[in-house]
Amino acid sequence: MRVGVGYDIHRTRRGGPLYLGGVEIPFDLGLVGHSDGDCLIHAIIDALLGAAGEGDIGQHFPPSDKSLKGVRSTVLLKKVMEIIRKKGLRVIYVDSVIVAEKPKMAPRIPEMKRALAPILEISEDRLSIKAKTNERLGEIGRLKAIACWAVCLLSEE
């Protein structure tokens, strides 16, 4: 068994779109990023790469790579899953948390699970996504950023 942890934070900006967990969420703020800024997927990617001993998201998808500008993070996650499979590993479980003051994430979690579980090649009951606020503290509390954490468990096949 292998365990990995991932973290990502992105600043917000006026205008959309806001992507989290592979889902577009209607909101007046979007996330700043080289890709679509989906910090939940980015945290999951870092957890997967860490558990596989393969570095981090920036090593595989550097911001200097112009071909990745605006790419959907689901595409990056699919590429990471290819790395996982080639190493003879499989995902057993992913636990994650979104830290955002707004918008309310809980109603969107089932949709996020439907989007991500097939890519991760796990059932939805093996993917946990939780949503928390930052109690109006710091940059997240002032709607200036959204952060995500993820932990994954991989197994050698």
N, C-alpha and C. Protein backbone atom coordinates (compact mmCIF):
# COMPACT_ATOMS: atom_id res chain seq x y z
N MET A 1 0.84 -1.18 0.00
CA MET A 1 0.00 0.00 0.00
C MET A 1 0.89 1.25 0.00
N ARG A 2 0.41 2.30 -0.62
CA ARG A 2 1.11 3.58 -0.68
C ARG A 2 0.12 4.69 -0.38
N VAL A 3 0.57 5.69 0.36
CA VAL A 3 -0.28 6.82 0.73
C VAL A 3 0.35 8.09 0.17
N GLY A 4 -0.50 8.99 -0.32
CA GLY A 4 -0.04 10.27 -0.82
C GLY A 4 -0.92 11.39 -0.31
N VAL A 5 -0.34 12.56 -0.15
CA VAL A 5 -1.10 13.74 0.28
C VAL A 5 -0.89 14.85 -0.74
N GLY A 6 -1.94 15.61 -0.99
CA GLY A 6 -1.85 16.71 -1.94
C GLY A 6 -2.55 17.95 -1.41
N TYR A 7 -2.07 19.08 -1.85
CA TYR A 7 -2.63 20.37 -1.44
C TYR A 7 -2.52 21.32 -2.63
N ASP A 8 -3.53 22.17 -2.79
CA ASP A 8 -3.44 23.21 -3.81
C ASP A 8 -4.31 24.39 -3.39
N ILE A 9 -3.91 25.55 -3.79
CA ILE A 9 -4.67 26.78 -3.54
C ILE A 9 -4.57 27.66 -4.78
N HIS A 10 -5.66 28.28 -5.14
CA HIS A 10 -5.67 29.21 -6.27
C HIS A 10 -6.40 30.48 -5.87
N ARG A 11 -5.86 31.58 -6.34
CA ARG A 11 -6.52 32.88 -6.15
C ARG A 11 -7.78 32.93 -7.00
N THR A 12 -8.73 33.74 -6.54
CA THR A 12 -9.95 33.95 -7.32
C THR A 12 -9.81 35.22 -8.15
N ARG A 13 -10.67 35.32 -9.15
CA ARG A 13 -10.74 36.52 -9.98
C ARG A 13 -12.18 36.70 -10.42
N ARG A 14 -12.53 37.94 -10.69
CA ARG A 14 -13.88 38.24 -11.20
C ARG A 14 -14.06 37.56 -12.55
N GLY A 15 -15.23 37.06 -12.77
CA GLY A 15 -15.51 36.36 -14.02
C GLY A 15 -15.17 34.90 -13.89
N GLY A 16 -15.84 34.09 -14.63
CA GLY A 16 -15.66 32.64 -14.50
C GLY A 16 -14.70 32.12 -15.52
N PRO A 17 -14.75 30.86 -15.70
CA PRO A 17 -15.60 29.93 -14.98
C PRO A 17 -14.92 29.41 -13.71
N LEU A 18 -15.73 28.84 -12.81
CA LEU A 18 -15.21 28.20 -11.61
C LEU A 18 -15.36 26.70 -11.79
N TYR A 19 -14.22 26.02 -11.90
CA TYR A 19 -14.22 24.56 -12.00
C TYR A 19 -13.67 23.98 -10.71
N LEU A 20 -14.40 23.04 -10.14
CA LEU A 20 -13.93 22.26 -8.98
C LEU A 20 -14.43 20.83 -9.14
N GLY A 21 -13.54 19.88 -8.97
CA GLY A 21 -13.92 18.48 -9.09
C GLY A 21 -14.42 18.11 -10.47
N GLY A 22 -13.94 18.82 -11.47
CA GLY A 22 -14.34 18.53 -12.84
C GLY A 22 -15.70 19.08 -13.22
N VAL A 23 -16.28 19.89 -12.34
CA VAL A 23 -17.62 20.43 -12.54
C VAL A 23 -17.56 21.95 -12.63
N GLU A 24 -18.28 22.52 -13.58
CA GLU A 24 -18.38 23.98 -13.65
C GLU A 24 -19.47 24.42 -12.68
N ILE A 25 -19.10 25.31 -11.77
CA ILE A 25 -20.01 25.79 -10.73
C ILE A 25 -20.37 27.24 -11.03
N PRO A 26 -21.64 27.53 -11.19
CA PRO A 26 -22.04 28.92 -11.44
C PRO A 26 -21.67 29.81 -10.24
N PHE A 27 -20.87 30.83 -10.50
CA PHE A 27 -20.43 31.75 -9.45
C PHE A 27 -19.80 32.95 -10.14
N ASP A 28 -19.76 34.09 -9.47
CA ASP A 28 -19.20 35.29 -10.10
C ASP A 28 -17.68 35.38 -10.00
N LEU A 29 -17.06 34.42 -9.30
CA LEU A 29 -15.60 34.35 -9.20
C LEU A 29 -15.11 33.04 -9.82
N GLY A 30 -14.01 33.13 -10.54
CA GLY A 30 -13.35 31.94 -11.06
C GLY A 30 -12.00 31.80 -10.39
N LEU A 31 -11.26 30.77 -10.75
CA LEU A 31 -9.93 30.55 -10.16
C LEU A 31 -8.84 30.86 -11.18
N VAL A 32 -7.80 31.53 -10.72
CA VAL A 32 -6.66 31.87 -11.55
C VAL A 32 -5.75 30.65 -11.62
N GLY A 33 -5.38 30.26 -12.82
CA GLY A 33 -4.48 29.12 -12.98
C GLY A 33 -4.02 29.01 -14.42
N HIS A 34 -2.92 28.29 -14.63
CA HIS A 34 -2.44 28.06 -15.99
C HIS A 34 -3.42 27.17 -16.74
N SER A 35 -3.96 26.16 -16.03
CA SER A 35 -4.99 25.31 -16.60
C SER A 35 -6.33 25.94 -16.25
N ASP A 36 -7.34 25.13 -15.98
CA ASP A 36 -8.64 25.68 -15.59
C ASP A 36 -8.70 26.06 -14.11
N GLY A 37 -7.61 25.83 -13.36
CA GLY A 37 -7.53 26.23 -11.96
C GLY A 37 -8.26 25.33 -10.99
N ASP A 38 -8.66 24.15 -11.42
CA ASP A 38 -9.43 23.23 -10.58
C ASP A 38 -8.55 22.69 -9.46
N CYS A 39 -8.53 23.41 -8.32
CA CYS A 39 -7.59 23.04 -7.26
C CYS A 39 -7.95 21.73 -6.56
N LEU A 40 -9.19 21.26 -6.66
CA LEU A 40 -9.50 19.94 -6.11
C LEU A 40 -8.80 18.85 -6.91
N ILE A 41 -8.92 18.91 -8.21
CA ILE A 41 -8.23 17.93 -9.05
C ILE A 41 -6.72 18.06 -8.88
N HIS A 42 -6.22 19.26 -8.76
CA HIS A 42 -4.77 19.45 -8.60
C HIS A 42 -4.28 18.82 -7.29
N ALA A 43 -5.04 18.96 -6.23
CA ALA A 43 -4.67 18.34 -4.95
C ALA A 43 -4.70 16.82 -5.08
N ILE A 44 -5.71 16.29 -5.77
CA ILE A 44 -5.79 14.83 -5.98
C ILE A 44 -4.62 14.36 -6.83
N ILE A 45 -4.28 15.10 -7.86
CA ILE A 45 -3.13 14.75 -8.70
C ILE A 45 -1.86 14.69 -7.87
N ASP A 46 -1.63 15.69 -7.03
CA ASP A 46 -0.42 15.68 -6.20
C ASP A 46 -0.41 14.50 -5.23
N ALA A 47 -1.57 14.16 -4.68
CA ALA A 47 -1.64 13.00 -3.79
C ALA A 47 -1.29 11.72 -4.55
N LEU A 48 -1.85 11.55 -5.74
CA LEU A 48 -1.58 10.36 -6.56
C LEU A 48 -0.11 10.28 -6.95
N LEU A 49 0.44 11.39 -7.43
CA LEU A 49 1.85 11.40 -7.85
C LEU A 49 2.77 11.13 -6.65
N GLY A 50 2.43 11.70 -5.50
CA GLY A 50 3.23 11.47 -4.31
C GLY A 50 3.23 10.01 -3.91
N ALA A 51 2.06 9.39 -3.90
CA ALA A 51 1.97 7.97 -3.53
C ALA A 51 2.71 7.09 -4.52
N ALA A 52 2.76 7.51 -5.78
CA ALA A 52 3.44 6.73 -6.81
C ALA A 52 4.94 7.03 -6.87
N GLY A 53 5.41 7.99 -6.05
CA GLY A 53 6.82 8.36 -6.10
C GLY A 53 7.18 9.09 -7.37
N GLU A 54 6.25 9.86 -7.91
CA GLU A 54 6.44 10.52 -9.20
C GLU A 54 6.45 12.04 -9.13
N GLY A 55 6.84 12.59 -7.99
CA GLY A 55 6.96 14.05 -7.92
C GLY A 55 5.64 14.75 -7.71
N ASP A 56 5.50 15.90 -8.40
CA ASP A 56 4.28 16.69 -8.22
C ASP A 56 3.76 17.20 -9.55
N ILE A 57 2.62 17.87 -9.49
CA ILE A 57 1.93 18.33 -10.69
C ILE A 57 2.80 19.27 -11.54
N GLY A 58 3.58 20.13 -10.89
CA GLY A 58 4.42 21.08 -11.62
C GLY A 58 5.53 20.41 -12.41
N GLN A 59 6.00 19.26 -11.96
CA GLN A 59 7.03 18.53 -12.71
C GLN A 59 6.46 17.91 -13.97
N HIS A 60 5.22 17.46 -13.92
CA HIS A 60 4.60 16.80 -15.06
C HIS A 60 3.89 17.77 -16.00
N PHE A 61 3.35 18.85 -15.44
CA PHE A 61 2.58 19.81 -16.21
C PHE A 61 3.02 21.23 -15.83
N PRO A 62 4.23 21.62 -16.23
CA PRO A 62 4.76 22.92 -15.80
C PRO A 62 4.00 24.10 -16.41
N PRO A 63 3.89 25.19 -15.66
CA PRO A 63 3.22 26.39 -16.18
C PRO A 63 3.90 26.95 -17.43
N SER A 64 5.15 26.60 -17.64
CA SER A 64 5.87 27.08 -18.83
C SER A 64 5.41 26.36 -20.10
N ASP A 65 4.67 25.26 -19.98
CA ASP A 65 4.19 24.51 -21.13
C ASP A 65 2.95 25.21 -21.71
N LYS A 66 3.15 25.94 -22.78
CA LYS A 66 2.08 26.74 -23.38
C LYS A 66 0.92 25.87 -23.88
N SER A 67 1.19 24.60 -24.21
CA SER A 67 0.12 23.73 -24.72
C SER A 67 -0.90 23.40 -23.64
N LEU A 68 -0.55 23.64 -22.38
CA LEU A 68 -1.47 23.34 -21.28
C LEU A 68 -2.30 24.53 -20.85
N LYS A 69 -2.09 25.68 -21.48
CA LYS A 69 -2.84 26.88 -21.11
C LYS A 69 -4.34 26.64 -21.27
N GLY A 70 -5.06 26.78 -20.17
CA GLY A 70 -6.52 26.63 -20.18
C GLY A 70 -7.03 25.20 -20.24
N VAL A 71 -6.14 24.21 -20.22
CA VAL A 71 -6.57 22.81 -20.32
C VAL A 71 -7.44 22.44 -19.13
N ARG A 72 -8.43 21.61 -19.38
CA ARG A 72 -9.27 21.11 -18.30
C ARG A 72 -8.44 20.16 -17.44
N SER A 73 -8.57 20.29 -16.14
CA SER A 73 -7.80 19.48 -15.21
C SER A 73 -8.18 18.00 -15.27
N THR A 74 -9.37 17.69 -15.76
CA THR A 74 -9.74 16.29 -15.95
C THR A 74 -8.80 15.62 -16.95
N VAL A 75 -8.34 16.37 -17.94
CA VAL A 75 -7.39 15.84 -18.93
C VAL A 75 -6.07 15.50 -18.22
N LEU A 76 -5.62 16.38 -17.33
CA LEU A 76 -4.38 16.13 -16.58
C LEU A 76 -4.54 14.92 -15.67
N LEU A 77 -5.69 14.80 -15.02
CA LEU A 77 -5.93 13.65 -14.14
C LEU A 77 -5.89 12.34 -14.93
N LYS A 78 -6.45 12.34 -16.13
CA LYS A 78 -6.40 11.13 -16.97
C LYS A 78 -4.97 10.76 -17.30
N LYS A 79 -4.13 11.76 -17.57
CA LYS A 79 -2.71 11.49 -17.87
C LYS A 79 -2.00 10.92 -16.64
N VAL A 80 -2.34 11.43 -15.46
CA VAL A 80 -1.74 10.92 -14.23
C VAL A 80 -2.19 9.48 -13.99
N MET A 81 -3.43 9.18 -14.29
CA MET A 81 -3.90 7.80 -14.13
C MET A 81 -3.15 6.84 -15.05
N GLU A 82 -2.73 7.31 -16.22
CA GLU A 82 -1.89 6.48 -17.09
C GLU A 82 -0.57 6.16 -16.41
N ILE A 83 0.02 7.14 -15.74
CA ILE A 83 1.27 6.94 -15.00
C ILE A 83 1.05 5.91 -13.89
N ILE A 84 -0.05 6.05 -13.17
CA ILE A 84 -0.37 5.14 -12.07
C ILE A 84 -0.47 3.71 -12.59
N ARG A 85 -1.23 3.52 -13.67
CA ARG A 85 -1.41 2.18 -14.25
C ARG A 85 -0.09 1.60 -14.74
N LYS A 86 0.73 2.42 -15.41
CA LYS A 86 2.02 1.94 -15.93
C LYS A 86 2.95 1.47 -14.83
N LYS A 87 2.79 2.03 -13.64
CA LYS A 87 3.61 1.63 -12.49
C LYS A 87 3.03 0.41 -11.78
N GLY A 88 1.94 -0.13 -12.31
CA GLY A 88 1.31 -1.30 -11.71
C GLY A 88 0.56 -0.96 -10.43
N LEU A 89 0.06 0.25 -10.34
CA LEU A 89 -0.67 0.69 -9.16
C LEU A 89 -2.13 0.93 -9.49
N ARG A 90 -2.96 0.87 -8.46
CA ARG A 90 -4.37 1.21 -8.64
C ARG A 90 -4.84 2.00 -7.44
N VAL A 91 -5.81 2.86 -7.67
CA VAL A 91 -6.37 3.69 -6.62
C VAL A 91 -7.33 2.85 -5.79
N ILE A 92 -7.17 2.92 -4.48
CA ILE A 92 -8.07 2.23 -3.55
C ILE A 92 -9.08 3.22 -2.97
N TYR A 93 -8.60 4.41 -2.58
CA TYR A 93 -9.48 5.37 -1.91
C TYR A 93 -8.88 6.77 -2.04
N VAL A 94 -9.74 7.77 -2.16
CA VAL A 94 -9.34 9.17 -2.15
C VAL A 94 -10.25 9.91 -1.17
N ASP A 95 -9.64 10.68 -0.27
CA ASP A 95 -10.38 11.54 0.65
C ASP A 95 -9.91 12.96 0.38
N SER A 96 -10.85 13.90 0.30
CA SER A 96 -10.47 15.27 -0.04
C SER A 96 -11.38 16.26 0.67
N VAL A 97 -10.89 17.50 0.74
CA VAL A 97 -11.68 18.58 1.33
C VAL A 97 -11.47 19.85 0.51
N ILE A 98 -12.56 20.55 0.26
CA ILE A 98 -12.54 21.85 -0.40
C ILE A 98 -12.74 22.89 0.70
N VAL A 99 -11.87 23.90 0.74
CA VAL A 99 -12.02 24.98 1.71
C VAL A 99 -12.34 26.25 0.93
N ALA A 100 -13.61 26.65 1.02
CA ALA A 100 -14.10 27.82 0.28
C ALA A 100 -15.20 28.48 1.08
N GLU A 101 -15.14 29.78 1.18
CA GLU A 101 -16.19 30.50 1.90
C GLU A 101 -17.51 30.45 1.12
N LYS A 102 -17.39 30.67 -0.18
CA LYS A 102 -18.54 30.61 -1.09
C LYS A 102 -18.02 30.13 -2.42
N PRO A 103 -18.84 29.57 -3.27
CA PRO A 103 -20.23 29.23 -3.08
C PRO A 103 -20.39 27.97 -2.25
N LYS A 104 -21.60 27.62 -1.91
CA LYS A 104 -21.86 26.39 -1.17
C LYS A 104 -21.49 25.21 -2.07
N MET A 105 -20.62 24.37 -1.56
CA MET A 105 -20.13 23.24 -2.36
C MET A 105 -20.94 21.96 -2.15
N ALA A 106 -21.50 21.78 -0.97
CA ALA A 106 -22.17 20.52 -0.64
C ALA A 106 -23.17 20.07 -1.71
N PRO A 107 -23.99 20.97 -2.26
CA PRO A 107 -24.93 20.50 -3.28
C PRO A 107 -24.27 19.99 -4.56
N ARG A 108 -23.01 20.37 -4.79
CA ARG A 108 -22.30 19.98 -6.02
C ARG A 108 -21.47 18.72 -5.86
N ILE A 109 -21.31 18.26 -4.62
CA ILE A 109 -20.44 17.10 -4.37
C ILE A 109 -20.88 15.84 -5.11
N PRO A 110 -22.16 15.48 -5.14
CA PRO A 110 -22.53 14.28 -5.91
C PRO A 110 -22.12 14.37 -7.38
N GLU A 111 -22.26 15.55 -7.97
CA GLU A 111 -21.85 15.74 -9.37
C GLU A 111 -20.34 15.60 -9.52
N MET A 112 -19.58 16.14 -8.56
CA MET A 112 -18.12 16.01 -8.60
C MET A 112 -17.72 14.54 -8.52
N LYS A 113 -18.36 13.81 -7.64
CA LYS A 113 -18.04 12.38 -7.50
C LYS A 113 -18.35 11.62 -8.79
N ARG A 114 -19.47 11.97 -9.43
CA ARG A 114 -19.82 11.32 -10.70
C ARG A 114 -18.79 11.64 -11.78
N ALA A 115 -18.21 12.84 -11.73
CA ALA A 115 -17.21 13.23 -12.73
C ALA A 115 -15.86 12.57 -12.48
N LEU A 116 -15.46 12.47 -11.21
CA LEU A 116 -14.10 12.02 -10.89
C LEU A 116 -13.94 10.52 -10.68
N ALA A 117 -14.92 9.86 -10.11
CA ALA A 117 -14.78 8.43 -9.80
C ALA A 117 -14.43 7.59 -11.03
N PRO A 118 -15.08 7.79 -12.18
CA PRO A 118 -14.70 6.99 -13.35
C PRO A 118 -13.27 7.23 -13.81
N ILE A 119 -12.80 8.47 -13.72
CA ILE A 119 -11.42 8.76 -14.11
C ILE A 119 -10.45 8.08 -13.16
N LEU A 120 -10.78 8.08 -11.87
CA LEU A 120 -9.93 7.45 -10.86
C LEU A 120 -10.07 5.93 -10.85
N GLU A 121 -11.05 5.43 -11.63
CA GLU A 121 -11.32 3.99 -11.74
C GLU A 121 -11.70 3.38 -10.40
N ILE A 122 -12.52 4.13 -9.66
CA ILE A 122 -13.05 3.66 -8.38
C ILE A 122 -14.54 3.94 -8.33
N SER A 123 -15.23 3.27 -7.42
CA SER A 123 -16.65 3.56 -7.23
C SER A 123 -16.79 4.85 -6.43
N GLU A 124 -17.93 5.48 -6.54
CA GLU A 124 -18.15 6.75 -5.85
C GLU A 124 -18.03 6.62 -4.34
N ASP A 125 -18.30 5.44 -3.80
CA ASP A 125 -18.18 5.28 -2.34
C ASP A 125 -16.73 5.17 -1.89
N ARG A 126 -15.79 5.19 -2.84
CA ARG A 126 -14.36 5.19 -2.52
C ARG A 126 -13.73 6.56 -2.78
N LEU A 127 -14.58 7.54 -2.99
CA LEU A 127 -14.15 8.92 -3.19
C LEU A 127 -14.92 9.82 -2.22
N SER A 128 -14.21 10.41 -1.29
CA SER A 128 -14.82 11.31 -0.32
C SER A 128 -14.44 12.74 -0.69
N ILE A 129 -15.45 13.59 -0.78
CA ILE A 129 -15.24 15.02 -1.00
C ILE A 129 -16.04 15.75 0.07
N LYS A 130 -15.34 16.54 0.85
CA LYS A 130 -15.99 17.31 1.91
C LYS A 130 -15.82 18.79 1.59
N ALA A 131 -16.72 19.60 2.14
CA ALA A 131 -16.64 21.04 1.92
C ALA A 131 -16.65 21.75 3.27
N LYS A 132 -15.73 22.68 3.43
CA LYS A 132 -15.61 23.46 4.66
C LYS A 132 -15.47 24.93 4.29
N THR A 133 -15.82 25.80 5.23
CA THR A 133 -15.51 27.22 5.07
C THR A 133 -14.28 27.51 5.90
N ASN A 134 -13.77 28.73 5.79
CA ASN A 134 -12.62 29.15 6.59
C ASN A 134 -13.06 30.13 7.68
N GLU A 135 -14.37 30.08 7.98
CA GLU A 135 -14.93 30.93 9.05
C GLU A 135 -14.59 32.40 8.84
N ARG A 136 -14.59 32.83 7.56
CA ARG A 136 -14.30 34.21 7.17
C ARG A 136 -12.89 34.68 7.55
N LEU A 137 -11.99 33.74 7.79
CA LEU A 137 -10.61 34.09 8.16
C LEU A 137 -9.69 34.03 6.95
N GLY A 138 -8.71 34.89 6.91
CA GLY A 138 -7.66 34.87 5.89
C GLY A 138 -8.17 35.13 4.49
N GLU A 139 -7.30 34.83 3.52
CA GLU A 139 -7.62 35.06 2.11
C GLU A 139 -8.81 34.23 1.66
N ILE A 140 -8.90 33.00 2.15
CA ILE A 140 -10.04 32.16 1.77
C ILE A 140 -11.33 32.76 2.33
N GLY A 141 -11.29 33.19 3.57
CA GLY A 141 -12.46 33.79 4.21
C GLY A 141 -12.92 35.07 3.55
N ARG A 142 -11.99 35.78 2.90
CA ARG A 142 -12.33 37.03 2.21
C ARG A 142 -12.63 36.79 0.72
N LEU A 143 -12.82 35.53 0.34
CA LEU A 143 -13.14 35.13 -1.04
C LEU A 143 -12.02 35.44 -2.02
N LYS A 144 -10.79 35.50 -1.54
CA LYS A 144 -9.64 35.78 -2.40
C LYS A 144 -8.97 34.51 -2.90
N ALA A 145 -9.37 33.34 -2.34
CA ALA A 145 -8.75 32.07 -2.73
C ALA A 145 -9.64 30.90 -2.33
N ILE A 146 -9.39 29.77 -2.97
CA ILE A 146 -9.99 28.49 -2.61
C ILE A 146 -8.85 27.49 -2.51
N ALA A 147 -8.89 26.66 -1.46
CA ALA A 147 -7.85 25.66 -1.25
C ALA A 147 -8.46 24.27 -1.15
N CYS A 148 -7.66 23.26 -1.47
CA CYS A 148 -8.11 21.87 -1.37
C CYS A 148 -6.98 20.99 -0.86
N TRP A 149 -7.37 19.97 -0.12
CA TRP A 149 -6.48 18.94 0.39
C TRP A 149 -6.97 17.59 -0.12
N ALA A 150 -6.05 16.68 -0.33
CA ALA A 150 -6.44 15.31 -0.73
C ALA A 150 -5.44 14.31 -0.18
N VAL A 151 -5.95 13.15 0.15
CA VAL A 151 -5.14 12.01 0.56
C VAL A 151 -5.60 10.82 -0.26
N CYS A 152 -4.65 10.02 -0.72
CA CYS A 152 -5.05 8.84 -1.49
C CYS A 152 -4.32 7.60 -0.98
N LEU A 153 -4.94 6.48 -1.24
CA LEU A 153 -4.36 5.18 -0.94
C LEU A 153 -4.26 4.41 -2.25
N LEU A 154 -3.05 3.99 -2.59
CA LEU A 154 -2.81 3.19 -3.78
C LEU A 154 -2.37 1.80 -3.37
N SER A 155 -2.62 0.85 -4.24
CA SER A 155 -2.18 -0.52 -4.00
C SER A 155 -1.41 -1.01 -5.22
N GLU A 156 -0.43 -1.85 -4.97
CA GLU A 156 0.27 -2.49 -6.08
C GLU A 156 -0.61 -3.63 -6.55
N GLU A 157 -0.76 -3.74 -7.88
CA GLU A 157 -1.65 -4.76 -8.43
C GLU A 157 -1.01 -6.12 -8.40
